[in-house]
Amino acid sequence: MNLMHKFTIFMLLTATPAWLRLSRPERNRIAGETLTGALAGLDVTHQHFDAEAFCGVCSDVAVFETDDLGAYYCVIERLRDTAIFREPYFEVVQIIPAIGDGFRQFEDREAPYAA
């Protein structure tokens, strides 16, 4: 039995002073163009969450979802070539890969062998 995994990758980010010095319209333009280009043609989705008001570890959380870790890898390589990381406007604090309900997939896979 081959089960399909949807991977969710949580990327904890911290905005740098260079990012905060930009006007909000400029931030929106850069973020929009950067993500559009990084995700183009790849089966990866992205969501963004603001965390600065609630967390001292990171200011933002980027969440990527995909069935194809190779596609995710390409997204990250594309992002590394942009101002987001080149300036840098953001620094990566931590990357947490996860499988949604992975334990259920494990239990389904192992059920025929359970005592």
Protein backbone atom coordinates (compact mmCIF):
# COMPACT_ATOMS: atom_id res chain seq x y z
CA MET A 1 0.00 0.00 0.00
CA ASN A 2 1.55 3.30 -1.11
CA LEU A 3 0.03 6.29 0.64
CA MET A 4 0.38 9.79 -0.77
CA HIS A 5 1.84 12.31 1.63
CA LYS A 6 1.04 15.99 1.61
CA PHE A 7 3.99 17.74 3.16
CA THR A 8 3.56 20.96 5.11
CA ILE A 9 6.70 22.98 5.71
CA PHE A 10 6.65 25.74 8.30
CA MET A 11 9.38 28.32 7.75
CA LEU A 12 9.89 30.63 10.71
CA LEU A 13 11.24 33.99 9.56
CA THR A 14 12.44 37.20 11.16
CA ALA A 15 12.06 40.49 9.31
CA THR A 16 15.28 42.50 9.19
CA PRO A 17 15.58 46.26 9.73
CA ALA A 18 16.08 46.60 5.95
CA TRP A 19 12.56 45.21 5.41
CA LEU A 20 11.02 47.37 8.11
CA ARG A 21 12.56 50.53 6.59
CA LEU A 22 10.61 49.95 3.36
CA SER A 23 7.19 51.53 2.94
CA ARG A 24 4.25 49.16 3.23
CA PRO A 25 3.38 49.52 -0.48
CA GLU A 26 6.99 48.64 -1.37
CA ARG A 27 6.91 45.60 0.94
CA ASN A 28 3.66 44.44 -0.67
CA ARG A 29 5.10 44.85 -4.17
CA ILE A 30 8.30 42.96 -3.39
CA ALA A 31 6.54 40.14 -1.54
CA GLY A 32 3.91 39.71 -4.26
CA GLU A 33 6.38 39.67 -7.14
CA THR A 34 8.79 37.42 -5.28
CA LEU A 35 6.23 34.78 -4.35
CA THR A 36 4.57 34.81 -7.76
CA GLY A 37 7.90 34.12 -9.42
CA ALA A 38 9.04 31.52 -6.88
CA LEU A 39 5.83 29.49 -7.10
CA ALA A 40 5.33 29.78 -10.88
CA GLY A 41 4.76 26.42 -12.56
CA LEU A 42 5.32 24.39 -9.40
CA ASP A 43 2.80 22.38 -7.39
CA VAL A 44 3.44 24.23 -4.14
CA THR A 45 1.03 26.47 -2.24
CA HIS A 46 1.97 29.20 0.20
CA GLN A 47 0.33 30.97 3.11
CA HIS A 48 1.79 33.73 5.23
CA PHE A 49 1.12 34.38 8.91
CA ASP A 50 2.18 37.36 11.00
CA ALA A 51 3.53 36.34 14.38
CA GLU A 52 5.42 39.37 15.71
CA ALA A 53 2.66 40.40 18.12
CA PHE A 54 2.60 36.95 19.71
CA CYS A 55 6.11 35.51 19.46
CA GLY A 56 9.62 36.56 20.40
CA VAL A 57 11.25 33.88 18.24
CA CYS A 58 10.10 34.95 14.78
CA SER A 59 8.10 37.72 13.15
CA ASP A 60 6.51 35.69 10.35
CA VAL A 61 5.63 32.12 9.44
CA ALA A 62 5.58 31.01 5.82
CA VAL A 63 3.68 27.77 5.26
CA PHE A 64 4.28 25.74 2.11
CA GLU A 65 2.25 22.67 1.13
CA THR A 66 3.11 20.15 -1.57
CA ASP A 67 3.15 16.48 -2.51
CA ASP A 68 6.48 17.05 -4.26
CA LEU A 69 9.49 17.91 -2.10
CA GLY A 70 11.52 18.52 -5.26
CA ALA A 71 9.11 21.30 -6.22
CA TYR A 72 9.40 22.79 -2.72
CA TYR A 73 13.18 22.68 -3.05
CA CYS A 74 12.94 24.62 -6.33
CA VAL A 75 10.75 27.26 -4.65
CA ILE A 76 13.35 27.77 -1.94
CA GLU A 77 16.20 27.96 -4.47
CA ARG A 78 14.23 30.58 -6.41
CA LEU A 79 13.61 32.55 -3.21
CA ARG A 80 17.31 32.45 -2.36
CA ASP A 81 17.98 34.31 -5.61
CA THR A 82 15.66 37.19 -4.63
CA ALA A 83 16.03 40.25 -2.43
CA ILE A 84 14.00 38.51 0.27
CA PHE A 85 17.13 36.57 1.26
CA ARG A 86 19.83 38.45 -0.67
CA GLU A 87 19.43 41.84 1.05
CA PRO A 88 18.40 40.16 3.36
CA TYR A 89 14.87 41.30 4.10
CA PHE A 90 14.19 38.13 6.09
CA GLU A 91 16.32 35.62 7.95
CA VAL A 92 15.30 32.00 8.37
CA VAL A 93 14.98 31.07 12.03
CA GLN A 94 13.86 27.48 11.59
CA ILE A 95 12.27 25.15 9.05
CA ILE A 96 9.83 22.55 10.35
CA PRO A 97 8.67 19.91 7.85
CA ALA A 98 5.58 17.93 8.81
CA ILE A 99 3.06 15.45 7.46
CA GLY A 100 -0.54 16.29 8.27
CA ASP A 101 -2.16 13.43 10.18
CA GLY A 102 0.96 11.35 9.55
CA PHE A 103 0.09 9.07 12.45
CA ARG A 104 -3.16 8.10 10.70
CA GLN A 105 -1.28 7.17 7.55
CA PHE A 106 1.12 5.13 9.66
CA GLU A 107 -1.75 3.35 11.44
CA ASP A 108 -3.48 2.61 8.12
CA ARG A 109 -0.25 1.23 6.71
CA GLU A 110 0.52 -0.86 9.78
CA ALA A 111 -3.04 -2.13 10.46
CA PRO A 112 -2.54 -5.44 8.63
CA TYR A 113 0.48 -6.15 10.86
CA ALA A 114 -1.00 -5.07 14.21
CA ALA A 115 -1.50 -7.76 16.80
